[in-house]
Amino acid sequence: AIWFDEAIGCETASCPDEEEAADAGTG
């Protein structure tokens, strides 16, 4: 058993970080 923080929308055990859109803001 392992535990860690993961994005809510990740449907598998763990997901790579999503790439931000080129025009994404920081808000």
mmCIF file of all heavy atoms, coordinates in Angstrom:
data_MODEL
# 
_entry.id   MODEL 
# 
loop_
_atom_site.group_PDB 
_atom_site.id 
_atom_site.type_symbol 
_atom_site.label_atom_id 
_atom_site.label_alt_id 
_atom_site.label_comp_id 
_atom_site.label_asym_id 
_atom_site.label_entity_id 
_atom_site.label_seq_id 
_atom_site.pdbx_PDB_ins_code 
_atom_site.Cartn_x 
_atom_site.Cartn_y 
_atom_site.Cartn_z 
_atom_site.occupancy 
_atom_site.B_iso_or_equiv 
_atom_site.pdbx_formal_charge 
_atom_site.auth_seq_id 
_atom_site.auth_comp_id 
_atom_site.auth_asym_id 
_atom_site.auth_atom_id 
_atom_site.pdbx_PDB_model_num 
ATOM 1   N N   . ALA A 1 1  ? 0.867   -1.187 0.000   1.00 0.00 ? 1  ALA A N   1 
ATOM 2   C CA  . ALA A 1 1  ? 0.000   0.000  0.000   1.00 0.00 ? 1  ALA A CA  1 
ATOM 3   C C   . ALA A 1 1  ? 0.898   1.230  0.000   1.00 0.00 ? 1  ALA A C   1 
ATOM 4   O O   . ALA A 1 1  ? 1.872   1.298  0.764   1.00 0.00 ? 1  ALA A O   1 
ATOM 5   C CB  . ALA A 1 1  ? -0.913  0.010  1.219   1.00 0.00 ? 1  ALA A CB  1 
ATOM 6   N N   . ILE A 1 2  ? 0.590   2.187  -0.856  1.00 0.00 ? 2  ILE A N   1 
ATOM 7   C CA  . ILE A 1 2  ? 1.318   3.450  -0.873  1.00 0.00 ? 2  ILE A CA  1 
ATOM 8   C C   . ILE A 1 2  ? 0.308   4.589  -0.863  1.00 0.00 ? 2  ILE A C   1 
ATOM 9   O O   . ILE A 1 2  ? -0.848  4.409  -1.258  1.00 0.00 ? 2  ILE A O   1 
ATOM 10  C CB  . ILE A 1 2  ? 2.254   3.572  -2.099  1.00 0.00 ? 2  ILE A CB  1 
ATOM 11  C CG1 . ILE A 1 2  ? 1.450   3.531  -3.410  1.00 0.00 ? 2  ILE A CG1 1 
ATOM 12  C CG2 . ILE A 1 2  ? 3.308   2.468  -2.090  1.00 0.00 ? 2  ILE A CG2 1 
ATOM 13  C CD1 . ILE A 1 2  ? 2.315   3.763  -4.645  1.00 0.00 ? 2  ILE A CD1 1 
ATOM 14  N N   . TRP A 1 3  ? 0.727   5.741  -0.397  1.00 0.00 ? 3  TRP A N   1 
ATOM 15  C CA  . TRP A 1 3  ? -0.160  6.894  -0.396  1.00 0.00 ? 3  TRP A CA  1 
ATOM 16  C C   . TRP A 1 3  ? 0.588   8.128  -0.833  1.00 0.00 ? 3  TRP A C   1 
ATOM 17  O O   . TRP A 1 3  ? 1.792   8.274  -0.622  1.00 0.00 ? 3  TRP A O   1 
ATOM 18  C CB  . TRP A 1 3  ? -0.848  7.096  0.950   1.00 0.00 ? 3  TRP A CB  1 
ATOM 19  C CG  . TRP A 1 3  ? 0.021   7.084  2.156   1.00 0.00 ? 3  TRP A CG  1 
ATOM 20  C CD1 . TRP A 1 3  ? 0.575   8.147  2.809   1.00 0.00 ? 3  TRP A CD1 1 
ATOM 21  C CD2 . TRP A 1 3  ? 0.422   5.925  2.908   1.00 0.00 ? 3  TRP A CD2 1 
ATOM 22  N NE1 . TRP A 1 3  ? 1.294   7.739  3.892   1.00 0.00 ? 3  TRP A NE1 1 
ATOM 23  C CE2 . TRP A 1 3  ? 1.225   6.393  3.990   1.00 0.00 ? 3  TRP A CE2 1 
ATOM 24  C CE3 . TRP A 1 3  ? 0.193   4.557  2.783   1.00 0.00 ? 3  TRP A CE3 1 
ATOM 25  C CZ2 . TRP A 1 3  ? 1.778   5.513  4.916   1.00 0.00 ? 3  TRP A CZ2 1 
ATOM 26  C CZ3 . TRP A 1 3  ? 0.759   3.690  3.708   1.00 0.00 ? 3  TRP A CZ3 1 
ATOM 27  C CH2 . TRP A 1 3  ? 1.531   4.167  4.762   1.00 0.00 ? 3  TRP A CH2 1 
ATOM 28  N N   . PHE A 1 4  ? -0.131  9.008  -1.497  1.00 0.00 ? 4  PHE A N   1 
ATOM 29  C CA  . PHE A 1 4  ? 0.465   10.198 -2.106  1.00 0.00 ? 4  PHE A CA  1 
ATOM 30  C C   . PHE A 1 4  ? -0.656  11.138 -2.512  1.00 0.00 ? 4  PHE A C   1 
ATOM 31  O O   . PHE A 1 4  ? -1.839  10.763 -2.513  1.00 0.00 ? 4  PHE A O   1 
ATOM 32  C CB  . PHE A 1 4  ? 1.311   9.818  -3.331  1.00 0.00 ? 4  PHE A CB  1 
ATOM 33  C CG  . PHE A 1 4  ? 0.625   8.910  -4.307  1.00 0.00 ? 4  PHE A CG  1 
ATOM 34  C CD1 . PHE A 1 4  ? -0.195  9.408  -5.304  1.00 0.00 ? 4  PHE A CD1 1 
ATOM 35  C CD2 . PHE A 1 4  ? 0.797   7.528  -4.229  1.00 0.00 ? 4  PHE A CD2 1 
ATOM 36  C CE1 . PHE A 1 4  ? -0.840  8.570  -6.203  1.00 0.00 ? 4  PHE A CE1 1 
ATOM 37  C CE2 . PHE A 1 4  ? 0.169   6.678  -5.127  1.00 0.00 ? 4  PHE A CE2 1 
ATOM 38  C CZ  . PHE A 1 4  ? -0.651  7.206  -6.115  1.00 0.00 ? 4  PHE A CZ  1 
ATOM 39  N N   . ASP A 1 5  ? -0.307  12.373 -2.869  1.00 0.00 ? 5  ASP A N   1 
ATOM 40  C CA  . ASP A 1 5  ? -1.272  13.343 -3.374  1.00 0.00 ? 5  ASP A CA  1 
ATOM 41  C C   . ASP A 1 5  ? -1.378  13.206 -4.881  1.00 0.00 ? 5  ASP A C   1 
ATOM 42  O O   . ASP A 1 5  ? -0.367  13.077 -5.576  1.00 0.00 ? 5  ASP A O   1 
ATOM 43  C CB  . ASP A 1 5  ? -0.851  14.766 -3.009  1.00 0.00 ? 5  ASP A CB  1 
ATOM 44  C CG  . ASP A 1 5  ? -0.996  15.062 -1.529  1.00 0.00 ? 5  ASP A CG  1 
ATOM 45  O OD1 . ASP A 1 5  ? -1.696  14.298 -0.851  1.00 0.00 ? 5  ASP A OD1 1 
ATOM 46  O OD2 . ASP A 1 5  ? -0.413  16.058 -1.053  1.00 0.00 ? 5  ASP A OD2 1 
ATOM 47  N N   . GLU A 1 6  ? -2.619  13.256 -5.371  1.00 0.00 ? 6  GLU A N   1 
ATOM 48  C CA  . GLU A 1 6  ? -2.859  13.097 -6.802  1.00 0.00 ? 6  GLU A CA  1 
ATOM 49  C C   . GLU A 1 6  ? -4.006  13.992 -7.233  1.00 0.00 ? 6  GLU A C   1 
ATOM 50  O O   . GLU A 1 6  ? -4.888  14.312 -6.437  1.00 0.00 ? 6  GLU A O   1 
ATOM 51  C CB  . GLU A 1 6  ? -3.165  11.633 -7.126  1.00 0.00 ? 6  GLU A CB  1 
ATOM 52  C CG  . GLU A 1 6  ? -3.317  11.297 -8.595  1.00 0.00 ? 6  GLU A CG  1 
ATOM 53  C CD  . GLU A 1 6  ? -2.124  11.744 -9.417  1.00 0.00 ? 6  GLU A CD  1 
ATOM 54  O OE1 . GLU A 1 6  ? -1.123  11.007 -9.456  1.00 0.00 ? 6  GLU A OE1 1 
ATOM 55  O OE2 . GLU A 1 6  ? -2.191  12.853 -9.995  1.00 0.00 ? 6  GLU A OE2 1 
ATOM 56  N N   . ALA A 1 7  ? -3.995  14.405 -8.493  1.00 0.00 ? 7  ALA A N   1 
ATOM 57  C CA  . ALA A 1 7  ? -5.065  15.244 -9.018  1.00 0.00 ? 7  ALA A CA  1 
ATOM 58  C C   . ALA A 1 7  ? -6.404  14.535 -8.926  1.00 0.00 ? 7  ALA A C   1 
ATOM 59  O O   . ALA A 1 7  ? -6.503  13.323 -9.156  1.00 0.00 ? 7  ALA A O   1 
ATOM 60  C CB  . ALA A 1 7  ? -4.768  15.621 -10.468 1.00 0.00 ? 7  ALA A CB  1 
ATOM 61  N N   . ILE A 1 8  ? -7.435  15.293 -8.596  1.00 0.00 ? 8  ILE A N   1 
ATOM 62  C CA  . ILE A 1 8  ? -8.765  14.721 -8.413  1.00 0.00 ? 8  ILE A CA  1 
ATOM 63  C C   . ILE A 1 8  ? -9.242  14.003 -9.671  1.00 0.00 ? 8  ILE A C   1 
ATOM 64  O O   . ILE A 1 8  ? -9.845  12.936 -9.615  1.00 0.00 ? 8  ILE A O   1 
ATOM 65  C CB  . ILE A 1 8  ? -9.761  15.829 -8.010  1.00 0.00 ? 8  ILE A CB  1 
ATOM 66  C CG1 . ILE A 1 8  ? -9.421  16.341 -6.611  1.00 0.00 ? 8  ILE A CG1 1 
ATOM 67  C CG2 . ILE A 1 8  ? -11.197 15.323 -8.059  1.00 0.00 ? 8  ILE A CG2 1 
ATOM 68  C CD1 . ILE A 1 8  ? -10.229 17.543 -6.182  1.00 0.00 ? 8  ILE A CD1 1 
ATOM 69  N N   . GLY A 1 9  ? -8.951  14.559 -10.827 1.00 0.00 ? 9  GLY A N   1 
ATOM 70  C CA  . GLY A 1 9  ? -9.462  13.988 -12.070 1.00 0.00 ? 9  GLY A CA  1 
ATOM 71  C C   . GLY A 1 9  ? -8.692  12.801 -12.585 1.00 0.00 ? 9  GLY A C   1 
ATOM 72  O O   . GLY A 1 9  ? -9.081  12.219 -13.620 1.00 0.00 ? 9  GLY A O   1 
ATOM 73  N N   . CYS A 1 10 ? -7.625  12.405 -11.932 1.00 0.00 ? 10 CYS A N   1 
ATOM 74  C CA  . CYS A 1 10 ? -6.830  11.273 -12.392 1.00 0.00 ? 10 CYS A CA  1 
ATOM 75  C C   . CYS A 1 10 ? -7.624  9.984  -12.235 1.00 0.00 ? 10 CYS A C   1 
ATOM 76  O O   . CYS A 1 10 ? -8.017  9.617  -11.124 1.00 0.00 ? 10 CYS A O   1 
ATOM 77  C CB  . CYS A 1 10 ? -5.523  11.197 -11.609 1.00 0.00 ? 10 CYS A CB  1 
ATOM 78  S SG  . CYS A 1 10 ? -4.491  9.781  -12.015 1.00 0.00 ? 10 CYS A SG  1 
ATOM 79  N N   . GLU A 1 11 ? -7.848  9.261  -13.313 1.00 0.00 ? 11 GLU A N   1 
ATOM 80  C CA  . GLU A 1 11 ? -8.681  8.056  -13.294 1.00 0.00 ? 11 GLU A CA  1 
ATOM 81  C C   . GLU A 1 11 ? -7.874  6.788  -13.061 1.00 0.00 ? 11 GLU A C   1 
ATOM 82  O O   . GLU A 1 11 ? -8.450  5.724  -12.839 1.00 0.00 ? 11 GLU A O   1 
ATOM 83  C CB  . GLU A 1 11 ? -9.454  7.938  -14.617 1.00 0.00 ? 11 GLU A CB  1 
ATOM 84  C CG  . GLU A 1 11 ? -10.438 9.069  -14.851 1.00 0.00 ? 11 GLU A CG  1 
ATOM 85  C CD  . GLU A 1 11 ? -11.556 9.101  -13.814 1.00 0.00 ? 11 GLU A CD  1 
ATOM 86  O OE1 . GLU A 1 11 ? -11.889 8.020  -13.277 1.00 0.00 ? 11 GLU A OE1 1 
ATOM 87  O OE2 . GLU A 1 11 ? -12.074 10.192 -13.522 1.00 0.00 ? 11 GLU A OE2 1 
ATOM 88  N N   . THR A 1 12 ? -6.549  6.867  -13.166 1.00 0.00 ? 12 THR A N   1 
ATOM 89  C CA  . THR A 1 12 ? -5.709  5.704  -12.905 1.00 0.00 ? 12 THR A CA  1 
ATOM 90  C C   . THR A 1 12 ? -5.051  5.867  -11.544 1.00 0.00 ? 12 THR A C   1 
ATOM 91  O O   . THR A 1 12 ? -5.334  6.810  -10.809 1.00 0.00 ? 12 THR A O   1 
ATOM 92  C CB  . THR A 1 12 ? -4.647  5.561  -14.009 1.00 0.00 ? 12 THR A CB  1 
ATOM 93  O OG1 . THR A 1 12 ? -3.877  6.762  -14.072 1.00 0.00 ? 12 THR A OG1 1 
ATOM 94  C CG2 . THR A 1 12 ? -5.317  5.308  -15.354 1.00 0.00 ? 12 THR A CG2 1 
ATOM 95  N N   . ALA A 1 13 ? -4.165  4.937  -11.210 1.00 0.00 ? 13 ALA A N   1 
ATOM 96  C CA  . ALA A 1 13 ? -3.520  5.025  -9.896  1.00 0.00 ? 13 ALA A CA  1 
ATOM 97  C C   . ALA A 1 13 ? -2.771  6.338  -9.726  1.00 0.00 ? 13 ALA A C   1 
ATOM 98  O O   . ALA A 1 13 ? -2.829  6.972  -8.678  1.00 0.00 ? 13 ALA A O   1 
ATOM 99  C CB  . ALA A 1 13 ? -2.578  3.839  -9.707  1.00 0.00 ? 13 ALA A CB  1 
ATOM 100 N N   . SER A 1 14 ? -2.070  6.764  -10.767 1.00 0.00 ? 14 SER A N   1 
ATOM 101 C CA  . SER A 1 14 ? -1.326  8.015  -10.725 1.00 0.00 ? 14 SER A CA  1 
ATOM 102 C C   . SER A 1 14 ? -1.173  8.540  -12.140 1.00 0.00 ? 14 SER A C   1 
ATOM 103 O O   . SER A 1 14 ? -1.092  7.765  -13.092 1.00 0.00 ? 14 SER A O   1 
ATOM 104 C CB  . SER A 1 14 ? 0.055   7.792  -10.087 1.00 0.00 ? 14 SER A CB  1 
ATOM 105 O OG  . SER A 1 14 ? 0.759   9.001  -9.953  1.00 0.00 ? 14 SER A OG  1 
ATOM 106 N N   . CYS A 1 15 ? -1.143  9.852  -12.278 1.00 0.00 ? 15 CYS A N   1 
ATOM 107 C CA  . CYS A 1 15 ? -1.117  10.477 -13.599 1.00 0.00 ? 15 CYS A CA  1 
ATOM 108 C C   . CYS A 1 15 ? 0.009   11.495 -13.691 1.00 0.00 ? 15 CYS A C   1 
ATOM 109 O O   . CYS A 1 15 ? 0.338   12.157 -12.700 1.00 0.00 ? 15 CYS A O   1 
ATOM 110 C CB  . CYS A 1 15 ? -2.445  11.189 -13.898 1.00 0.00 ? 15 CYS A CB  1 
ATOM 111 S SG  . CYS A 1 15 ? -3.891  10.107 -13.933 1.00 0.00 ? 15 CYS A SG  1 
ATOM 112 N N   . PRO A 1 16 ? 0.587   11.670 -14.878 1.00 0.00 ? 16 PRO A N   1 
ATOM 113 C CA  . PRO A 1 16 ? 1.578   12.739 -15.053 1.00 0.00 ? 16 PRO A CA  1 
ATOM 114 C C   . PRO A 1 16 ? 0.904   14.098 -14.969 1.00 0.00 ? 16 PRO A C   1 
ATOM 115 O O   . PRO A 1 16 ? -0.302  14.234 -15.180 1.00 0.00 ? 16 PRO A O   1 
ATOM 116 C CB  . PRO A 1 16 ? 2.141   12.474 -16.455 1.00 0.00 ? 16 PRO A CB  1 
ATOM 117 C CG  . PRO A 1 16 ? 1.056   11.728 -17.157 1.00 0.00 ? 16 PRO A CG  1 
ATOM 118 C CD  . PRO A 1 16 ? 0.364   10.903 -16.112 1.00 0.00 ? 16 PRO A CD  1 
ATOM 119 N N   . ASP A 1 17 ? 1.686   15.099 -14.633 1.00 0.00 ? 17 ASP A N   1 
ATOM 120 C CA  . ASP A 1 17 ? 1.152   16.456 -14.577 1.00 0.00 ? 17 ASP A CA  1 
ATOM 121 C C   . ASP A 1 17 ? 0.657   16.877 -15.958 1.00 0.00 ? 17 ASP A C   1 
ATOM 122 O O   . ASP A 1 17 ? 1.301   16.594 -16.979 1.00 0.00 ? 17 ASP A O   1 
ATOM 123 C CB  . ASP A 1 17 ? 2.223   17.441 -14.100 1.00 0.00 ? 17 ASP A CB  1 
ATOM 124 C CG  . ASP A 1 17 ? 2.602   17.204 -12.654 1.00 0.00 ? 17 ASP A CG  1 
ATOM 125 O OD1 . ASP A 1 17 ? 1.787   16.632 -11.918 1.00 0.00 ? 17 ASP A OD1 1 
ATOM 126 O OD2 . ASP A 1 17 ? 3.728   17.601 -12.272 1.00 0.00 ? 17 ASP A OD2 1 
ATOM 127 N N   . GLU A 1 18 ? -0.496  17.524 -15.972 1.00 0.00 ? 18 GLU A N   1 
ATOM 128 C CA  . GLU A 1 18 ? -1.030  18.013 -17.236 1.00 0.00 ? 18 GLU A CA  1 
ATOM 129 C C   . GLU A 1 18 ? -0.263  19.247 -17.688 1.00 0.00 ? 18 GLU A C   1 
ATOM 130 O O   . GLU A 1 18 ? 0.104   20.098 -16.885 1.00 0.00 ? 18 GLU A O   1 
ATOM 131 C CB  . GLU A 1 18 ? -2.516  18.352 -17.088 1.00 0.00 ? 18 GLU A CB  1 
ATOM 132 C CG  . GLU A 1 18 ? -3.396  17.144 -16.832 1.00 0.00 ? 18 GLU A CG  1 
ATOM 133 C CD  . GLU A 1 18 ? -4.866  17.517 -16.808 1.00 0.00 ? 18 GLU A CD  1 
ATOM 134 O OE1 . GLU A 1 18 ? -5.173  18.706 -17.067 1.00 0.00 ? 18 GLU A OE1 1 
ATOM 135 O OE2 . GLU A 1 18 ? -5.701  16.641 -16.535 1.00 0.00 ? 18 GLU A OE2 1 
ATOM 136 N N   . GLU A 1 19 ? -0.040  19.324 -19.003 1.00 0.00 ? 19 GLU A N   1 
ATOM 137 C CA  . GLU A 1 19 ? 0.607   20.506 -19.549 1.00 0.00 ? 19 GLU A CA  1 
ATOM 138 C C   . GLU A 1 19 ? -0.384  21.654 -19.625 1.00 0.00 ? 19 GLU A C   1 
ATOM 139 O O   . GLU A 1 19 ? -1.534  21.472 -20.016 1.00 0.00 ? 19 GLU A O   1 
ATOM 140 C CB  . GLU A 1 19 ? 1.168   20.206 -20.944 1.00 0.00 ? 19 GLU A CB  1 
ATOM 141 C CG  . GLU A 1 19 ? 2.323   19.225 -20.945 1.00 0.00 ? 19 GLU A CG  1 
ATOM 142 C CD  . GLU A 1 19 ? 2.946   19.104 -22.330 1.00 0.00 ? 19 GLU A CD  1 
ATOM 143 O OE1 . GLU A 1 19 ? 2.581   19.918 -23.205 1.00 0.00 ? 19 GLU A OE1 1 
ATOM 144 O OE2 . GLU A 1 19 ? 3.783   18.202 -22.513 1.00 0.00 ? 19 GLU A OE2 1 
ATOM 145 N N   . GLU A 1 20 ? 0.068   22.835 -19.210 1.00 0.00 ? 20 GLU A N   1 
ATOM 146 C CA  . GLU A 1 20 ? -0.799  24.001 -19.251 1.00 0.00 ? 20 GLU A CA  1 
ATOM 147 C C   . GLU A 1 20 ? -0.873  24.557 -20.671 1.00 0.00 ? 20 GLU A C   1 
ATOM 148 O O   . GLU A 1 20 ? 0.080   24.462 -21.446 1.00 0.00 ? 20 GLU A O   1 
ATOM 149 C CB  . GLU A 1 20 ? -0.271  25.086 -18.307 1.00 0.00 ? 20 GLU A CB  1 
ATOM 150 C CG  . GLU A 1 20 ? -0.381  24.730 -16.836 1.00 0.00 ? 20 GLU A CG  1 
ATOM 151 C CD  . GLU A 1 20 ? 0.021   25.889 -15.945 1.00 0.00 ? 20 GLU A CD  1 
ATOM 152 O OE1 . GLU A 1 20 ? 0.570   26.870 -16.478 1.00 0.00 ? 20 GLU A OE1 1 
ATOM 153 O OE2 . GLU A 1 20 ? -0.213  25.810 -14.727 1.00 0.00 ? 20 GLU A OE2 1 
ATOM 154 N N   . ALA A 1 21 ? -2.025  25.129 -20.987 1.00 0.00 ? 21 ALA A N   1 
ATOM 155 C CA  . ALA A 1 21 ? -2.184  25.777 -22.282 1.00 0.00 ? 21 ALA A CA  1 
ATOM 156 C C   . ALA A 1 21 ? -1.232  26.963 -22.376 1.00 0.00 ? 21 ALA A C   1 
ATOM 157 O O   . ALA A 1 21 ? -0.875  27.585 -21.370 1.00 0.00 ? 21 ALA A O   1 
ATOM 158 C CB  . ALA A 1 21 ? -3.623  26.237 -22.464 1.00 0.00 ? 21 ALA A CB  1 
ATOM 159 N N   . ALA A 1 22 ? -0.831  27.264 -23.595 1.00 0.00 ? 22 ALA A N   1 
ATOM 160 C CA  . ALA A 1 22 ? 0.137   28.340 -23.802 1.00 0.00 ? 22 ALA A CA  1 
ATOM 161 C C   . ALA A 1 22 ? -0.368  29.674 -23.290 1.00 0.00 ? 22 ALA A C   1 
ATOM 162 O O   . ALA A 1 22 ? 0.417   30.526 -22.874 1.00 0.00 ? 22 ALA A O   1 
ATOM 163 C CB  . ALA A 1 22 ? 0.496   28.428 -25.286 1.00 0.00 ? 22 ALA A CB  1 
ATOM 164 N N   . ASP A 1 23 ? -1.701  29.867 -23.327 1.00 0.00 ? 23 ASP A N   1 
ATOM 165 C CA  . ASP A 1 23 ? -2.266  31.145 -22.901 1.00 0.00 ? 23 ASP A CA  1 
ATOM 166 C C   . ASP A 1 23 ? -2.885  31.075 -21.506 1.00 0.00 ? 23 ASP A C   1 
ATOM 167 O O   . ASP A 1 23 ? -3.676  31.935 -21.120 1.00 0.00 ? 23 ASP A O   1 
ATOM 168 C CB  . ASP A 1 23 ? -3.312  31.623 -23.910 1.00 0.00 ? 23 ASP A CB  1 
ATOM 169 C CG  . ASP A 1 23 ? -4.470  30.634 -24.047 1.00 0.00 ? 23 ASP A CG  1 
ATOM 170 O OD1 . ASP A 1 23 ? -4.354  29.494 -23.512 1.00 0.00 ? 23 ASP A OD1 1 
ATOM 171 O OD2 . ASP A 1 23 ? -5.471  30.989 -24.696 1.00 0.00 ? 23 ASP A OD2 1 
ATOM 172 N N   . ALA A 1 24 ? -2.511  30.048 -20.725 1.00 0.00 ? 24 ALA A N   1 
ATOM 173 C CA  . ALA A 1 24 ? -3.089  29.884 -19.385 1.00 0.00 ? 24 ALA A CA  1 
ATOM 174 C C   . ALA A 1 24 ? -2.596  30.973 -18.448 1.00 0.00 ? 24 ALA A C   1 
ATOM 175 O O   . ALA A 1 24 ? -1.429  31.369 -18.482 1.00 0.00 ? 24 ALA A O   1 
ATOM 176 C CB  . ALA A 1 24 ? -2.731  28.511 -18.823 1.00 0.00 ? 24 ALA A CB  1 
ATOM 177 N N   . GLY A 1 25 ? -3.480  31.452 -17.616 1.00 0.00 ? 25 GLY A N   1 
ATOM 178 C CA  . GLY A 1 25 ? -3.109  32.412 -16.584 1.00 0.00 ? 25 GLY A CA  1 
ATOM 179 C C   . GLY A 1 25 ? -2.675  31.700 -15.322 1.00 0.00 ? 25 GLY A C   1 
ATOM 180 O O   . GLY A 1 25 ? -2.614  30.476 -15.257 1.00 0.00 ? 25 GLY A O   1 
ATOM 181 N N   . THR A 1 26 ? -2.388  32.494 -14.292 1.00 0.00 ? 26 THR A N   1 
ATOM 182 C CA  . THR A 1 26 ? -1.905  31.921 -13.033 1.00 0.00 ? 26 THR A CA  1 
ATOM 183 C C   . THR A 1 26 ? -2.970  31.927 -11.937 1.00 0.00 ? 26 THR A C   1 
ATOM 184 O O   . THR A 1 26 ? -2.697  31.510 -10.820 1.00 0.00 ? 26 THR A O   1 
ATOM 185 C CB  . THR A 1 26 ? -0.682  32.704 -12.523 1.00 0.00 ? 26 THR A CB  1 
ATOM 186 O OG1 . THR A 1 26 ? -1.059  34.074 -12.312 1.00 0.00 ? 26 THR A OG1 1 
ATOM 187 C CG2 . THR A 1 26 ? 0.463   32.627 -13.517 1.00 0.00 ? 26 THR A CG2 1 
ATOM 188 N N   . GLY A 1 27 ? -4.177  32.388 -12.257 1.00 0.00 ? 27 GLY A N   1 
ATOM 189 C CA  . GLY A 1 27 ? -5.209  32.492 -11.232 1.00 0.00 ? 27 GLY A CA  1 
ATOM 190 C C   . GLY A 1 27 ? -5.700  31.143 -10.749 1.00 0.00 ? 27 GLY A C   1 
ATOM 191 O O   . GLY A 1 27 ? -5.758  30.163 -11.504 1.00 0.00 ? 27 GLY A O   1 
# 
